[in-house]
Amino acid sequence: NNNNGGGGGGALGGGNDPKRHWTAGKFRAQSIKRLRKAAKFATTLERLTTSTKRAPSAEDADVVVDDDDDGAENNDASDAASSAAVVHPPVDEHTRMEARAYASWMRGNLALEQNQWQTACSEYQMALTLCESLASDVGGSGGGDSSAVDGSDVDGNGMRQLELLDFFTTRARNVIAPLLRYCHYELQEKGMSPTEKISFLQSSSSISDAPNDPLQSKLHSLKAQTLQSQATSGSSMSQIIFRENTIAVETKELRMALLKIQDLKREWEEDAKGSSGNNNNNNNASGSSDSKFMELLSGYDDAISLANQELKQLSALKSGPAVNAKKFQLQNILGYCKHQKLKLVMGRNEDLAEGIVRRNKKKGLTLKHFEEAAHLYDALLQDARAVSSLPGGGSPEDFDGDAAAAAAVEDEFLLEANANILRLRSLRCYYLAQMHGSPRVGKHAEALA
């Protein structure tokens, strides 16, 4: 049969895989079905580890009741048999705890998939408690085995104890604890505003940096949804003020980028305040602040890239009042983003230069300190010159659509930028003079003379 043959070839080639046409609901139903079966098996295993009934044997099958006259004797025999059937559990306490922890974890997974948050919390809490107890038991009994007279197996047992300690600790912290926090969040989510949700997630997800922490992904998703809703409604960052012009931000993508910058800047400032006030973990706090700072700079780069893309699209259009007005808006948005980024970098570099001088002033500044300060002020001078050449300014009526050919607008922004160039140039010259006037440089100068 050709049809059968064709069907067989398709099946061998994977073309008739029924899962290809499954919907998301079908996959979820299949997942719940398998989790239900796994939870059932785990519960059976838990029950078997705590069972006190002896398994039936061939001797039990030989007990037969002959007649009614021996009823009392049979009752006595059955009582004795039932008492003999009650035995101790087949495994030790440690194994029973393992089975209970595994069963609680599987039941929690099933409840999580079914959105039964209260049940999931209870089961995950039980699994977490049991895993922590198992880890403490293993850690406490690591070197307490006095039964081994010969020390040949001590090293092997010690290694096994370390493996078990790592296993239960990792399982509790990196697997069960994030799931438990996620269920707590879902229970508290009702009635919370988006800002309260983000605050709750930030405080919860900071406990664990595990890559599989569901709260981390929930936090990023909620932030993205909040930014998108704010950008769509136009209630936030719908306009900016740059060089005495109020510029409307019309595209949703640019509004989202500016809102993201706003959030990143707030987080960086909070981290910077925390690192300045925390002397015990100053290195960790400083590393976190540096990471936030780089994320903030990346956010500005994204906004600059978006503005450049829109300007590139407008460059192919013929000049006209509407096109020129749009170009004027984007040029000012581009100048605003570049100015904010440069101001951020310049403030950080000047703080570093002043910190070098302040920390070493009492001990005495050396040639190395003068070199570091002069290098920082050299970078500051370059950034200040970049600020003075930023696009933007003027009025929409005077803008002809060609920003490159337009003359610099002498407004307050430009005058302040030029004054800052003079200030930084004088400071750079001062530290260069200090550097060349230091004793070590003086000796080399006399030798050359």
Protein backbone atom coordinates (compact mmCIF):
# COMPACT_ATOMS: atom_id res chain seq x y z
CA ASN A 1 0.00 0.00 0.00
CA ASN A 2 1.57 3.28 -1.13
CA ASN A 3 -0.30 5.34 1.41
CA ASN A 4 0.92 3.19 4.27
CA GLY A 5 4.43 3.28 2.93
CA GLY A 6 4.37 7.05 2.65
CA GLY A 7 3.02 7.35 6.17
CA GLY A 8 5.75 5.10 7.50
CA GLY A 9 8.45 7.14 5.76
CA GLY A 10 7.01 10.35 7.20
CA ALA A 11 6.97 8.87 10.67
CA LEU A 12 10.58 7.76 10.36
CA GLY A 13 11.54 11.21 9.15
CA GLY A 14 9.76 12.92 12.03
CA GLY A 15 7.21 14.58 9.76
CA ASN A 16 4.16 13.14 11.56
CA ASP A 17 5.17 14.09 15.08
CA PRO A 18 1.84 14.97 16.75
CA LYS A 19 3.52 17.35 19.21
CA ARG A 20 4.34 19.72 16.39
CA HIS A 21 0.70 20.82 16.27
CA TRP A 22 0.18 21.07 20.03
CA THR A 23 -0.92 24.38 21.47
CA ALA A 24 0.47 25.93 24.64
CA GLY A 25 -2.58 24.70 26.54
CA LYS A 26 -1.98 21.15 25.31
CA PHE A 27 1.65 21.23 26.45
CA ARG A 28 0.60 22.57 29.84
CA ALA A 29 -2.05 19.86 30.23
CA GLN A 30 0.55 17.21 29.39
CA SER A 31 2.97 18.75 31.89
CA ILE A 32 0.34 18.73 34.64
CA LYS A 33 -0.52 15.11 33.81
CA ARG A 34 3.10 14.02 34.17
CA LEU A 35 3.61 16.05 37.33
CA ARG A 36 0.48 14.50 38.84
CA LYS A 37 1.83 11.02 38.11
CA ALA A 38 5.27 11.92 39.51
CA ALA A 39 3.70 13.37 42.67
CA LYS A 40 1.64 10.20 43.09
CA PHE A 41 4.73 7.99 42.83
CA ALA A 42 6.64 10.24 45.25
CA THR A 43 3.79 10.07 47.77
CA THR A 44 3.74 6.27 47.46
CA LEU A 45 7.49 6.19 48.08
CA GLU A 46 7.05 8.38 51.14
CA ARG A 47 4.33 6.07 52.46
CA LEU A 48 6.48 2.98 51.91
CA THR A 49 9.41 4.43 53.87
CA THR A 50 7.16 4.98 56.89
CA SER A 51 5.18 1.73 56.62
CA THR A 52 5.15 -0.51 59.72
CA LYS A 53 3.42 -3.48 58.02
CA ARG A 54 5.38 -6.60 57.25
CA ALA A 55 5.14 -7.84 53.69
CA PRO A 56 2.97 -11.01 53.32
CA SER A 57 4.88 -14.32 53.13
CA ALA A 58 4.08 -17.96 52.30
CA GLU A 59 3.76 -18.83 56.00
CA ASP A 60 0.92 -16.31 56.38
CA ALA A 61 -0.99 -18.01 53.57
CA ASP A 62 -0.91 -21.39 55.45
CA VAL A 63 -3.05 -20.05 58.30
CA VAL A 64 -6.56 -21.46 57.57
CA VAL A 65 -9.66 -21.52 59.80
CA ASP A 66 -10.94 -25.13 60.12
CA ASP A 67 -14.27 -24.83 62.00
CA ASP A 68 -16.29 -22.60 64.20
CA ASP A 69 -15.44 -24.48 67.41
CA ASP A 70 -11.92 -23.12 67.29
CA GLY A 71 -13.12 -19.48 67.02
CA ALA A 72 -11.46 -18.33 70.23
CA GLU A 73 -8.20 -20.00 69.26
CA ASN A 74 -8.38 -18.47 65.79
CA ASN A 75 -8.97 -15.02 67.25
CA ASP A 76 -5.95 -15.41 69.47
CA ALA A 77 -3.91 -16.57 66.49
CA SER A 78 -5.06 -13.64 64.36
CA ASP A 79 -4.20 -11.18 67.13
CA ALA A 80 -0.76 -12.71 67.43
CA ALA A 81 -0.33 -12.60 63.66
CA SER A 82 -1.36 -8.93 63.49
CA SER A 83 1.01 -8.03 66.33
CA ALA A 84 3.78 -9.91 64.58
CA ALA A 85 2.94 -8.11 61.33
CA VAL A 86 3.69 -4.70 62.89
CA VAL A 87 7.42 -4.07 62.44
CA HIS A 88 9.77 -1.12 62.40
CA PRO A 89 9.96 1.06 59.26
CA PRO A 90 12.16 -0.51 56.59
CA VAL A 91 14.60 2.42 56.38
CA ASP A 92 16.38 4.75 58.79
CA GLU A 93 15.25 8.25 59.77
CA HIS A 94 17.61 9.95 57.31
CA THR A 95 16.12 8.08 54.35
CA ARG A 96 12.58 8.80 55.54
CA MET A 97 13.39 12.51 55.66
CA GLU A 98 14.80 12.35 52.13
CA ALA A 99 11.62 10.67 50.86
CA ARG A 100 9.41 13.24 52.61
CA ALA A 101 11.44 16.13 51.20
CA TYR A 102 11.26 14.70 47.68
CA ALA A 103 7.52 14.05 47.91
CA SER A 104 6.86 17.56 49.27
CA TRP A 105 8.93 19.05 46.46
CA MET A 106 7.03 17.12 43.77
CA ARG A 107 3.66 18.03 45.28
CA GLY A 108 4.78 21.65 45.38
CA ASN A 109 5.75 21.49 41.69
CA LEU A 110 2.30 20.15 40.83
CA ALA A 111 0.54 22.84 42.88
CA LEU A 112 2.75 25.53 41.29
CA GLU A 113 1.81 24.40 37.78
CA GLN A 114 -1.86 24.41 38.80
CA ASN A 115 -1.54 27.94 40.29
CA GLN A 116 -2.46 26.67 43.76
CA TRP A 117 -0.12 29.05 45.53
CA GLN A 118 -1.08 28.29 49.14
CA THR A 119 -0.58 24.55 48.69
CA ALA A 120 2.67 25.14 46.85
CA CYS A 121 3.93 27.38 49.67
CA SER A 122 3.15 24.73 52.29
CA GLU A 123 4.81 21.92 50.34
CA TYR A 124 7.89 23.96 49.38
CA GLN A 125 8.29 25.16 52.97
CA MET A 126 8.21 21.55 54.18
CA ALA A 127 10.76 20.50 51.53
CA LEU A 128 13.02 23.45 52.39
CA THR A 129 12.91 22.70 56.12
CA LEU A 130 13.67 19.03 55.55
CA CYS A 131 16.58 19.76 53.20
CA GLU A 132 18.08 22.20 55.70
CA SER A 133 17.68 19.59 58.45
CA LEU A 134 19.33 16.95 56.27
CA ALA A 135 22.21 19.30 55.50
CA SER A 136 22.72 20.10 59.19
CA ASP A 137 22.57 16.40 60.11
CA VAL A 138 25.13 15.52 57.47
CA GLY A 139 27.39 18.41 58.48
CA GLY A 140 27.12 17.53 62.16
CA SER A 141 27.92 13.85 61.66
CA GLY A 142 30.78 14.40 59.24
CA GLY A 143 33.56 13.24 61.53
CA GLY A 144 31.62 11.36 64.19
CA ASP A 145 31.90 7.78 62.87
CA SER A 146 33.71 5.92 65.65
CA SER A 147 32.73 2.47 64.45
CA ALA A 148 35.53 2.25 61.90
CA VAL A 149 38.56 0.88 63.75
CA ASP A 150 40.55 0.67 60.56
CA GLY A 151 40.94 4.11 58.98
CA SER A 152 40.94 2.83 55.41
CA ASP A 153 37.33 3.93 54.73
CA VAL A 154 37.34 7.21 56.65
CA ASP A 155 38.43 9.31 53.68
CA GLY A 156 35.74 7.78 51.47
CA ASN A 157 33.03 8.44 54.04
CA GLY A 158 34.27 12.00 54.51
CA MET A 159 34.09 12.70 50.81
CA ARG A 160 30.58 11.24 50.67
CA GLN A 161 29.49 13.42 53.60
CA LEU A 162 30.82 16.53 51.84
CA GLU A 163 28.96 15.63 48.65
CA LEU A 164 25.70 15.16 50.56
CA LEU A 165 26.19 18.43 52.43
CA ASP A 166 26.69 20.32 49.15
CA PHE A 167 23.74 18.54 47.54
CA PHE A 168 21.18 19.37 50.24
CA THR A 169 22.46 22.91 50.75
CA THR A 170 22.40 23.67 47.03
CA ARG A 171 18.97 22.09 46.61
CA ALA A 172 17.56 24.19 49.46
CA ARG A 173 19.09 27.52 48.44
CA ASN A 174 19.11 27.42 44.64
CA VAL A 175 16.07 25.30 43.78
CA ILE A 176 13.44 25.29 46.52
CA ALA A 177 13.95 28.74 48.10
CA PRO A 178 13.43 30.70 44.81
CA LEU A 179 10.24 28.73 44.11
CA LEU A 180 8.98 29.41 47.62
CA ARG A 181 9.63 33.15 47.26
CA TYR A 182 7.85 33.14 43.91
CA CYS A 183 4.76 31.54 45.48
CA HIS A 184 4.86 34.10 48.31
CA TYR A 185 4.94 36.84 45.70
CA GLU A 186 1.94 35.38 43.86
CA LEU A 187 0.01 35.22 47.13
CA GLN A 188 0.77 38.88 47.91
CA GLU A 189 0.39 40.17 44.35
CA LYS A 190 -3.36 40.79 44.56
CA GLY A 191 -4.08 44.33 45.61
CA MET A 192 -0.52 45.58 44.98
CA SER A 193 0.26 48.46 42.65
CA PRO A 194 2.95 48.00 39.97
CA THR A 195 5.41 50.08 42.00
CA GLU A 196 4.76 47.99 45.11
CA LYS A 197 5.21 44.79 43.10
CA ILE A 198 8.58 45.95 41.74
CA SER A 199 9.70 47.02 45.22
CA PHE A 200 8.66 43.66 46.68
CA LEU A 201 10.45 41.75 43.92
CA GLN A 202 13.64 43.78 44.31
CA SER A 203 13.74 43.17 48.05
CA SER A 204 13.01 39.46 47.58
CA SER A 205 15.24 38.72 44.59
CA SER A 206 18.23 40.39 46.25
CA ILE A 207 18.38 37.42 48.65
CA SER A 208 19.43 35.05 45.88
CA ASP A 209 21.44 35.65 42.73
CA ALA A 210 20.75 32.18 41.36
CA PRO A 211 20.23 32.13 37.59
CA ASN A 212 17.05 30.05 37.91
CA ASP A 213 15.40 32.38 40.42
CA PRO A 214 11.88 32.91 38.98
CA LEU A 215 11.55 36.20 40.85
CA GLN A 216 14.38 37.68 38.76
CA SER A 217 12.59 36.92 35.49
CA LYS A 218 9.29 38.11 37.00
CA LEU A 219 10.97 41.38 38.03
CA HIS A 220 12.38 42.02 34.54
CA SER A 221 9.05 41.14 32.93
CA LEU A 222 7.12 43.44 35.27
CA LYS A 223 9.57 46.31 34.68
CA ALA A 224 9.22 45.90 30.91
CA GLN A 225 5.41 45.85 31.15
CA THR A 226 5.40 48.96 33.36
CA LEU A 227 7.71 50.84 31.00
CA GLN A 228 5.62 49.84 27.99
CA SER A 229 2.35 50.93 29.61
CA GLN A 230 3.85 54.27 30.69
CA ALA A 231 5.32 54.86 27.23
CA THR A 232 2.06 53.94 25.50
CA SER A 233 -0.06 56.18 27.71
CA GLY A 234 2.35 59.08 27.25
CA SER A 235 2.01 60.05 30.90
CA SER A 236 5.78 60.00 31.56
CA MET A 237 8.76 61.32 29.60
CA SER A 238 6.46 62.73 26.92
CA GLN A 239 8.71 65.79 26.69
CA ILE A 240 12.19 66.97 27.66
CA ILE A 241 13.77 70.39 28.15
CA PHE A 242 17.10 71.02 26.43
CA ARG A 243 18.80 74.33 25.62
CA GLU A 244 15.72 76.41 26.47
CA ASN A 245 13.50 74.29 24.21
CA THR A 246 10.68 72.01 25.30
CA ILE A 247 10.91 69.00 22.99
CA ALA A 248 8.08 66.48 22.58
CA VAL A 249 9.08 62.79 22.58
CA GLU A 250 6.57 61.36 20.14
CA THR A 251 7.76 57.79 19.49
CA LYS A 252 7.00 55.06 21.99
CA GLU A 253 10.45 53.46 21.62
CA LEU A 254 12.25 56.65 22.63
CA ARG A 255 9.90 57.20 25.57
CA MET A 256 10.57 53.64 26.76
CA ALA A 257 14.34 54.18 26.44
CA LEU A 258 14.16 57.43 28.46
CA LEU A 259 11.96 55.80 31.13
CA LYS A 260 14.44 52.94 31.39
CA ILE A 261 17.26 55.47 31.85
CA GLN A 262 15.22 57.14 34.59
CA ASP A 263 14.86 53.84 36.48
CA LEU A 264 18.51 52.88 35.98
CA LYS A 265 19.66 56.26 37.25
CA ARG A 266 17.53 55.95 40.37
CA GLU A 267 18.91 52.45 41.07
CA TRP A 268 22.50 53.64 40.53
CA GLU A 269 22.04 56.59 42.88
CA GLU A 270 20.57 54.30 45.55
CA ASP A 271 23.50 51.89 45.18
CA ALA A 272 25.98 54.77 45.34
CA LYS A 273 24.41 56.01 48.58
CA GLY A 274 24.47 52.48 50.00
CA SER A 275 28.15 51.98 49.11
CA SER A 276 29.13 55.32 50.69
CA GLY A 277 27.31 54.46 53.92
CA ASN A 278 28.41 50.82 54.17
CA ASN A 279 32.00 50.48 55.31
CA ASN A 280 31.92 46.74 56.02
CA ASN A 281 31.11 45.53 52.51
CA ASN A 282 32.59 48.48 50.64
CA ASN A 283 34.19 46.37 47.89
CA ASN A 284 30.99 44.47 47.09
CA ALA A 285 28.89 47.64 47.19
CA SER A 286 31.38 49.45 44.97
CA GLY A 287 31.28 46.59 42.46
CA SER A 288 27.47 46.71 42.39
CA SER A 289 27.55 50.49 41.93
CA ASP A 290 30.01 50.17 39.04
CA SER A 291 27.78 47.58 37.40
CA LYS A 292 24.74 49.87 37.71
CA PHE A 293 26.78 52.76 36.30
CA MET A 294 27.72 50.74 33.21
CA GLU A 295 24.08 49.71 32.75
CA LEU A 296 23.09 53.38 32.91
CA LEU A 297 25.66 54.31 30.25
CA SER A 298 24.36 51.46 28.10
CA GLY A 299 20.84 52.84 28.51
CA TYR A 300 21.98 56.22 27.18
CA ASP A 301 23.70 54.47 24.25
CA ASP A 302 20.43 52.72 23.40
CA ALA A 303 18.51 56.01 23.38
CA ILE A 304 21.22 57.68 21.24
CA SER A 305 21.09 54.79 18.79
CA LEU A 306 17.29 55.07 18.49
CA ALA A 307 17.48 58.82 17.83
CA ASN A 308 20.18 58.30 15.19
CA GLN A 309 18.08 55.62 13.47
CA GLU A 310 15.08 57.92 13.23
CA LEU A 311 17.25 60.76 11.92
CA LYS A 312 18.67 58.42 9.29
CA GLN A 313 15.15 57.56 8.13
CA LEU A 314 14.28 61.27 7.87
CA SER A 315 17.42 62.08 5.88
CA ALA A 316 15.94 60.38 2.81
CA LEU A 317 12.92 62.70 2.85
CA LYS A 318 12.73 66.08 1.14
CA SER A 319 13.03 69.13 3.37
CA GLY A 320 9.81 70.82 4.39
CA PRO A 321 8.23 72.41 7.46
CA ALA A 322 6.97 69.12 8.91
CA VAL A 323 10.16 67.16 8.14
CA ASN A 324 12.39 69.96 9.48
CA ALA A 325 10.32 70.19 12.66
CA LYS A 326 10.72 66.44 13.20
CA LYS A 327 14.45 66.65 12.54
CA PHE A 328 14.71 69.53 15.02
CA GLN A 329 13.00 67.42 17.68
CA LEU A 330 15.30 64.43 17.12
CA GLN A 331 18.44 66.59 17.01
CA ASN A 332 17.56 68.05 20.40
CA ILE A 333 16.71 64.61 21.83
CA LEU A 334 20.07 63.35 20.53
CA GLY A 335 21.86 66.32 22.09
CA TYR A 336 19.98 65.83 25.37
CA CYS A 337 20.94 62.15 25.65
CA LYS A 338 24.59 62.79 24.76
CA HIS A 339 24.77 65.67 27.22
CA GLN A 340 23.31 63.61 30.06
CA LYS A 341 25.76 60.80 29.37
CA LEU A 342 28.77 63.14 29.15
CA LYS A 343 27.70 64.97 32.31
CA LEU A 344 27.49 61.65 34.14
CA VAL A 345 30.95 60.53 33.01
CA MET A 346 32.50 63.94 33.70
CA GLY A 347 31.05 64.06 37.21
CA ARG A 348 32.43 60.61 37.98
CA ASN A 349 35.91 61.43 36.60
CA GLU A 350 36.11 64.72 38.49
CA ASP A 351 35.10 62.94 41.70
CA LEU A 352 37.94 60.46 41.11
CA ALA A 353 40.46 63.25 40.54
CA GLU A 354 39.36 65.15 43.65
CA GLY A 355 39.42 61.88 45.62
CA ILE A 356 43.04 61.23 44.66
CA VAL A 357 44.07 64.66 45.91
CA ARG A 358 41.93 64.50 49.06
CA ARG A 359 43.12 61.04 50.16
CA ASN A 360 46.84 61.76 49.70
CA LYS A 361 47.05 65.44 50.67
CA LYS A 362 48.11 64.79 54.26
CA LYS A 363 50.80 62.27 53.32
CA GLY A 364 52.01 64.41 50.46
CA LEU A 365 51.22 64.12 46.77
CA THR A 366 53.77 62.21 44.70
CA LEU A 367 54.54 62.25 40.99
CA LYS A 368 52.20 59.28 40.48
CA HIS A 369 49.29 61.19 42.06
CA PHE A 370 49.92 64.24 39.86
CA GLU A 371 50.05 62.01 36.77
CA GLU A 372 46.73 60.34 37.63
CA ALA A 373 45.02 63.69 38.28
CA ALA A 374 46.43 65.21 35.06
CA HIS A 375 45.28 62.18 33.06
CA LEU A 376 41.74 62.46 34.46
CA TYR A 377 41.57 66.18 33.72
CA ASP A 378 42.80 65.51 30.20
CA ALA A 379 39.83 63.14 29.69
CA LEU A 380 37.54 65.72 31.29
CA LEU A 381 38.77 68.40 28.89
CA GLN A 382 38.00 66.19 25.88
CA ASP A 383 34.49 65.51 27.16
CA ALA A 384 33.93 69.22 27.85
CA ARG A 385 34.86 70.04 24.25
CA ALA A 386 32.40 67.37 23.10
CA VAL A 387 29.66 69.05 25.16
CA SER A 388 30.30 72.39 23.47
CA SER A 389 29.76 70.81 20.03
CA LEU A 390 26.54 68.96 20.83
CA PRO A 391 23.59 69.33 18.44
CA GLY A 392 20.47 71.21 19.44
CA GLY A 393 19.52 74.70 20.49
CA GLY A 394 18.03 77.54 18.54
CA SER A 395 14.43 77.63 17.42
CA PRO A 396 12.44 75.40 15.02
CA GLU A 397 11.82 78.34 12.71
CA ASP A 398 15.56 78.94 12.17
CA PHE A 399 16.37 75.26 11.60
CA ASP A 400 16.73 74.40 7.90
CA GLY A 401 17.06 70.63 8.32
CA ASP A 402 20.88 70.44 7.98
CA ALA A 403 22.41 70.19 11.45
CA ALA A 404 25.95 69.75 10.13
CA ALA A 405 25.93 73.06 8.21
CA ALA A 406 24.10 75.00 10.93
CA ALA A 407 26.12 77.54 12.88
CA ALA A 408 26.59 77.07 16.60
CA VAL A 409 23.88 78.78 18.61
CA GLU A 410 25.40 81.08 21.24
CA ASP A 411 22.95 80.44 24.03
CA GLU A 412 23.47 80.05 27.77
CA PHE A 413 24.23 76.34 27.34
CA LEU A 414 27.14 77.02 24.95
CA LEU A 415 28.56 79.85 27.11
CA GLU A 416 28.51 77.58 30.17
CA ALA A 417 30.17 74.77 28.20
CA ASN A 418 32.97 77.08 27.01
CA ALA A 419 33.49 78.37 30.54
CA ASN A 420 33.80 74.79 31.77
CA ILE A 421 36.44 74.13 29.11
CA LEU A 422 38.53 77.03 30.45
CA ARG A 423 38.14 75.78 34.04
CA LEU A 424 39.22 72.24 33.21
CA ARG A 425 42.09 73.46 31.03
CA SER A 426 43.45 75.52 33.92
CA LEU A 427 43.20 72.56 36.32
CA ARG A 428 44.94 70.30 33.82
CA CYS A 429 47.74 72.85 33.40
CA TYR A 430 48.07 73.12 37.18
CA TYR A 431 48.61 69.39 37.67
CA LEU A 432 50.94 69.22 34.67
CA ALA A 433 53.00 72.00 36.25
CA GLN A 434 53.01 70.15 39.59
CA MET A 435 54.09 67.00 37.79
CA HIS A 436 56.99 68.72 35.98
CA GLY A 437 57.97 70.54 39.17
CA SER A 438 58.27 67.38 41.28
CA PRO A 439 61.80 66.43 42.51
CA ARG A 440 62.01 63.26 40.40
CA VAL A 441 61.22 65.10 37.17
CA GLY A 442 63.59 67.91 38.19
CA LYS A 443 66.52 65.53 38.42
CA HIS A 444 65.85 64.18 34.91
CA ALA A 445 65.53 67.74 33.60
CA GLU A 446 68.92 68.73 35.09
CA ALA A 447 70.51 65.63 33.56
CA LEU A 448 69.11 66.50 30.13
CA ALA A 449 70.29 70.10 30.47
